Amino acid sequence: MSARIEDYGLIGNMRTSALVSSAGSVDWLCAPRFDSDACFAALVGYDEHGRWALRPTTAVRERRQRYRGDTLVLETDVECDGGAVRLIELMPLVGERCDVIRIVEGLEGEVEMEMLLDVRFGYGANTPWVSQVDGGFSFVSGPDAAVVRGGIAMERSSRGVSSLFRVKRGERIALQLGLYPSHQRAPVALDADAELARTEDWWRQWSGRCRYQGRWREPVMRSLITLKALTYEPTGGIVAAPTT
């Protein structure tokens, strides 16, 4: 089952958005638009309805989730047996592209991580055809497709793609998932660190236009950023919620 709704953070690109649990699982994503069918729907079902989990294999002692300043870049610090890692999550603002970037950063010691990626188009109803491609795997079902790439060895699992890898202090491992129409070519890989810097800079410039410095500045800024994230950029319309 999915986590409690209050344990989720929001990331987005002003065309759609995703919900990421503090346990390290993307459990909701409609792609490429807010009103598209979900390809991750574990939020309202179970793991088999689609999710992208990234978590330590050892016992977790503490999790702390927050946003990076006045941006929509989400960070989750995880302390566990053997060390600590930071998950950095974002959706780059790159035109009509729909991508999710996840960066694992080693903070302390050495941590074994597990990645489980189960793409399920059509709100969990459609199981895709999974194929190995250069640098990762592709998922195709009817008009929908996705490709996952990253600097780790991946393999087919019973429901999708999985990986076991280790992260040492000071190491950074980037993973990215691109979603696209299946009749088109897969999008080229992005430079994860460059997109992180660009996305963070965009949100800081936008939020920096707010001059409010009152007592409730932090919740006011987070509310403004959330409303901006729920705005469909091509029309300026605001969706009622990131979920259906």
Protein backbone atom coordinates (compact mmCIF):
# COMPACT_ATOMS: atom_id res chain seq x y z
CA MET A 1 0.00 0.00 0.00
CA SER A 2 1.00 3.62 -0.46
CA ALA A 3 2.03 5.98 2.34
CA ARG A 4 -0.24 8.47 4.09
CA ILE A 5 -1.07 11.48 1.93
CA GLU A 6 0.69 13.82 4.37
CA ASP A 7 3.92 11.87 3.79
CA TYR A 8 4.14 12.91 0.13
CA GLY A 9 6.06 15.71 -1.50
CA LEU A 10 5.12 17.36 -4.78
CA ILE A 11 7.32 17.84 -7.84
CA GLY A 12 6.21 19.12 -11.24
CA ASN A 13 6.98 20.91 -14.49
CA MET A 14 3.78 23.01 -14.86
CA ARG A 15 2.35 20.52 -17.32
CA THR A 16 1.93 17.68 -14.85
CA SER A 17 3.18 16.66 -11.41
CA ALA A 18 4.24 13.66 -9.36
CA LEU A 19 3.84 12.69 -5.71
CA VAL A 20 6.91 11.27 -3.93
CA SER A 21 6.61 9.58 -0.55
CA SER A 22 9.11 10.13 2.23
CA ALA A 23 9.82 6.39 1.91
CA GLY A 24 11.28 7.08 -1.54
CA SER A 25 8.49 5.97 -3.87
CA VAL A 26 6.91 7.92 -6.74
CA ASP A 27 3.33 6.68 -6.31
CA TRP A 28 1.44 9.08 -8.60
CA LEU A 29 2.22 10.54 -12.01
CA CYS A 30 -0.03 11.41 -14.92
CA ALA A 31 1.98 11.92 -18.11
CA PRO A 32 2.47 14.02 -20.07
CA ARG A 33 -0.33 16.29 -18.76
CA PHE A 34 -2.33 16.71 -15.58
CA ASP A 35 -5.37 15.17 -17.32
CA SER A 36 -3.48 12.21 -18.84
CA ASP A 37 -3.88 8.68 -17.53
CA ALA A 38 -1.60 7.82 -14.61
CA CYS A 39 1.43 5.59 -15.20
CA PHE A 40 2.11 5.42 -11.44
CA ALA A 41 -1.10 4.89 -9.46
CA ALA A 42 0.00 3.09 -6.27
CA LEU A 43 -1.26 6.14 -4.36
CA VAL A 44 -4.85 4.93 -4.85
CA GLY A 45 -4.12 1.22 -5.14
CA TYR A 46 -1.21 -1.10 -4.55
CA ASP A 47 2.40 -1.40 -5.74
CA GLU A 48 1.28 -3.42 -8.78
CA HIS A 49 -0.64 -0.38 -10.04
CA GLY A 50 2.62 1.40 -10.78
CA ARG A 51 5.34 3.02 -8.70
CA TRP A 52 9.04 3.90 -8.74
CA ALA A 53 10.67 2.95 -5.44
CA LEU A 54 14.20 3.95 -4.43
CA ARG A 55 15.19 2.89 -0.93
CA PRO A 56 17.95 1.43 1.28
CA THR A 57 17.96 -2.33 1.76
CA THR A 58 18.95 -1.97 5.44
CA ALA A 59 16.85 -0.82 8.40
CA VAL A 60 15.92 2.88 8.21
CA ARG A 61 16.30 4.91 11.39
CA GLU A 62 15.03 8.31 10.27
CA ARG A 63 13.65 10.09 7.21
CA ARG A 64 13.45 13.87 6.75
CA GLN A 65 11.76 15.34 3.68
CA ARG A 66 11.87 19.02 2.69
CA TYR A 67 12.09 21.36 -0.26
CA ARG A 68 15.35 23.01 -1.25
CA GLY A 69 14.63 26.60 -0.25
CA ASP A 70 11.93 28.41 -2.21
CA THR A 71 11.93 25.86 -5.04
CA LEU A 72 10.08 22.73 -6.13
CA VAL A 73 13.21 20.58 -5.79
CA LEU A 74 12.45 17.92 -3.19
CA GLU A 75 15.07 16.44 -0.85
CA THR A 76 14.75 13.42 1.45
CA ASP A 77 17.53 12.53 3.89
CA VAL A 78 17.51 8.88 4.95
CA GLU A 79 19.58 7.57 7.84
CA CYS A 80 19.95 3.81 7.97
CA ASP A 81 22.22 1.02 9.14
CA GLY A 82 25.53 1.58 7.39
CA GLY A 83 25.22 5.26 6.58
CA ALA A 84 22.98 7.96 5.16
CA VAL A 85 21.82 9.09 1.71
CA ARG A 86 19.96 12.05 0.24
CA LEU A 87 17.36 11.66 -2.52
CA ILE A 88 17.00 14.73 -4.74
CA GLU A 89 13.87 14.75 -6.91
CA LEU A 90 12.73 17.12 -9.64
CA MET A 91 10.87 17.47 -12.92
CA PRO A 92 12.84 19.71 -15.31
CA LEU A 93 11.05 22.53 -17.11
CA VAL A 94 12.03 21.57 -20.66
CA GLY A 95 9.24 22.54 -23.04
CA GLU A 96 6.86 19.69 -23.82
CA ARG A 97 9.15 17.01 -22.40
CA CYS A 98 8.03 15.00 -19.39
CA ASP A 99 10.92 13.74 -17.27
CA VAL A 100 11.51 12.77 -13.66
CA ILE A 101 15.09 13.03 -12.38
CA ARG A 102 16.16 11.32 -9.16
CA ILE A 103 19.66 11.78 -7.74
CA VAL A 104 21.03 9.61 -4.94
CA GLU A 105 23.78 11.33 -2.96
CA GLY A 106 25.89 9.51 -0.40
CA LEU A 107 26.13 11.46 2.88
CA GLU A 108 27.74 8.99 5.29
CA GLY A 109 29.24 5.51 5.13
CA GLU A 110 28.18 3.13 2.37
CA VAL A 111 24.53 2.29 1.73
CA GLU A 112 23.11 -0.47 -0.45
CA MET A 113 20.11 0.83 -2.39
CA GLU A 114 17.28 -0.94 -4.18
CA MET A 115 15.42 0.45 -7.18
CA LEU A 116 12.08 -1.01 -8.23
CA LEU A 117 10.41 0.51 -11.29
CA ASP A 118 6.96 -0.74 -12.27
CA VAL A 119 5.43 1.38 -15.04
CA ARG A 120 1.70 0.73 -15.43
CA PHE A 121 -0.09 2.87 -17.97
CA GLY A 122 -3.85 3.48 -17.85
CA TYR A 123 -4.10 3.91 -14.05
CA GLY A 124 -2.44 0.55 -13.50
CA ALA A 125 -4.49 -1.42 -16.04
CA ASN A 126 -1.95 -1.72 -18.86
CA THR A 127 1.24 -3.75 -18.47
CA PRO A 128 3.91 -2.48 -20.90
CA TRP A 129 6.31 -4.39 -23.11
CA VAL A 130 9.73 -3.99 -21.47
CA SER A 131 12.87 -3.95 -23.62
CA GLN A 132 16.53 -3.27 -22.88
CA VAL A 133 17.94 -0.16 -24.57
CA ASP A 134 21.26 1.65 -24.45
CA GLY A 135 21.76 2.75 -20.84
CA GLY A 136 18.50 1.36 -19.50
CA PHE A 137 15.06 -0.01 -20.41
CA SER A 138 12.01 1.09 -22.37
CA PHE A 139 8.34 0.50 -21.56
CA VAL A 140 5.73 0.51 -24.34
CA SER A 141 1.97 -0.03 -24.16
CA GLY A 142 -0.26 1.15 -27.00
CA PRO A 143 0.22 4.92 -27.47
CA ASP A 144 2.30 5.31 -24.30
CA ALA A 145 6.01 4.80 -23.72
CA ALA A 146 8.73 5.52 -21.17
CA VAL A 147 12.48 5.07 -20.94
CA VAL A 148 14.62 4.82 -17.80
CA ARG A 149 18.35 5.51 -17.81
CA GLY A 150 21.01 5.83 -15.15
CA GLY A 151 24.50 5.08 -14.03
CA ILE A 152 23.61 1.73 -12.47
CA ALA A 153 23.17 -1.82 -13.74
CA MET A 154 19.47 -2.64 -14.19
CA GLU A 155 17.70 -5.92 -14.91
CA ARG A 156 14.24 -7.22 -15.64
CA SER A 157 12.15 -8.06 -12.59
CA SER A 158 8.86 -9.89 -12.21
CA ARG A 159 6.87 -6.70 -12.83
CA GLY A 160 9.32 -4.24 -14.37
CA VAL A 161 12.93 -3.25 -13.82
CA SER A 162 15.05 -3.48 -10.68
CA SER A 163 18.57 -2.75 -9.48
CA LEU A 164 20.77 -3.19 -6.43
CA PHE A 165 23.64 -0.72 -6.09
CA ARG A 166 25.85 0.88 -3.46
CA VAL A 167 26.40 4.56 -2.74
CA LYS A 168 29.42 5.77 -0.79
CA ARG A 169 29.88 9.11 0.92
CA GLY A 170 30.46 11.80 -1.71
CA GLU A 171 29.08 9.74 -4.61
CA ARG A 172 26.14 10.91 -6.72
CA ILE A 173 24.10 8.58 -8.92
CA ALA A 174 21.47 10.06 -11.23
CA LEU A 175 18.44 8.24 -12.63
CA GLN A 176 15.95 9.67 -15.09
CA LEU A 177 12.63 8.55 -16.51
CA GLY A 178 11.34 10.09 -19.72
CA LEU A 179 7.73 9.65 -20.87
CA TYR A 180 6.71 10.11 -24.50
CA PRO A 181 4.23 8.97 -27.22
CA SER A 182 5.20 5.51 -28.45
CA HIS A 183 5.10 6.54 -32.12
CA GLN A 184 7.98 8.96 -31.49
CA ARG A 185 11.62 8.27 -30.76
CA ALA A 186 12.69 8.09 -27.13
CA PRO A 187 13.87 11.49 -25.84
CA VAL A 188 17.61 11.98 -25.52
CA ALA A 189 19.11 11.70 -22.04
CA LEU A 190 19.40 14.88 -20.01
CA ASP A 191 22.38 16.09 -17.98
CA ALA A 192 20.92 15.52 -14.51
CA ASP A 193 23.17 17.95 -12.63
CA ALA A 194 22.70 20.68 -15.24
CA GLU A 195 18.91 20.26 -15.11
CA LEU A 196 19.00 20.33 -11.31
CA ALA A 197 20.87 23.64 -11.35
CA ARG A 198 18.63 25.07 -14.06
CA THR A 199 15.40 23.97 -12.36
CA GLU A 200 16.51 25.28 -8.98
CA ASP A 201 17.54 28.60 -10.50
CA TRP A 202 14.20 28.97 -12.34
CA TRP A 203 12.17 28.44 -9.17
CA ARG A 204 14.39 30.76 -7.10
CA GLN A 205 14.03 33.52 -9.67
CA TRP A 206 10.25 33.09 -9.78
CA SER A 207 9.76 32.92 -5.99
CA GLY A 208 12.19 35.80 -5.54
CA ARG A 209 9.61 38.12 -7.07
CA CYS A 210 7.50 37.84 -3.90
CA ARG A 211 8.34 40.71 -1.52
CA TYR A 212 6.33 39.49 1.46
CA GLN A 213 8.52 39.33 4.59
CA GLY A 214 5.87 38.91 7.28
CA ARG A 215 5.48 36.43 10.09
CA TRP A 216 4.08 33.66 7.89
CA ARG A 217 6.53 34.00 5.01
CA GLU A 218 7.48 30.31 4.84
CA PRO A 219 3.91 28.90 4.51
CA VAL A 220 2.95 31.78 2.20
CA MET A 221 5.88 31.03 -0.12
CA ARG A 222 5.19 27.29 -0.09
CA SER A 223 1.53 27.97 -0.94
CA LEU A 224 2.54 30.23 -3.83
CA ILE A 225 5.01 27.68 -5.19
CA THR A 226 2.41 24.91 -4.91
CA LEU A 227 -0.17 26.98 -6.81
CA LYS A 228 2.41 27.71 -9.49
CA ALA A 229 3.23 24.01 -9.73
CA LEU A 230 -0.49 23.26 -10.24
CA THR A 231 -0.71 25.75 -13.10
CA TYR A 232 -0.87 24.31 -16.62
CA GLU A 233 1.65 26.53 -18.35
CA PRO A 234 0.21 26.56 -21.92
CA THR A 235 -3.14 28.01 -20.77
CA GLY A 236 -2.57 29.39 -17.25
CA GLY A 237 -5.35 27.19 -15.86
CA ILE A 238 -4.92 25.87 -12.30
CA VAL A 239 -5.86 22.28 -11.53
CA ALA A 240 -7.77 21.57 -8.34
CA ALA A 241 -5.32 18.89 -7.18
CA PRO A 242 -2.32 16.96 -8.49
CA THR A 243 -4.46 13.80 -8.42
CA THR A 244 -7.37 12.88 -10.68
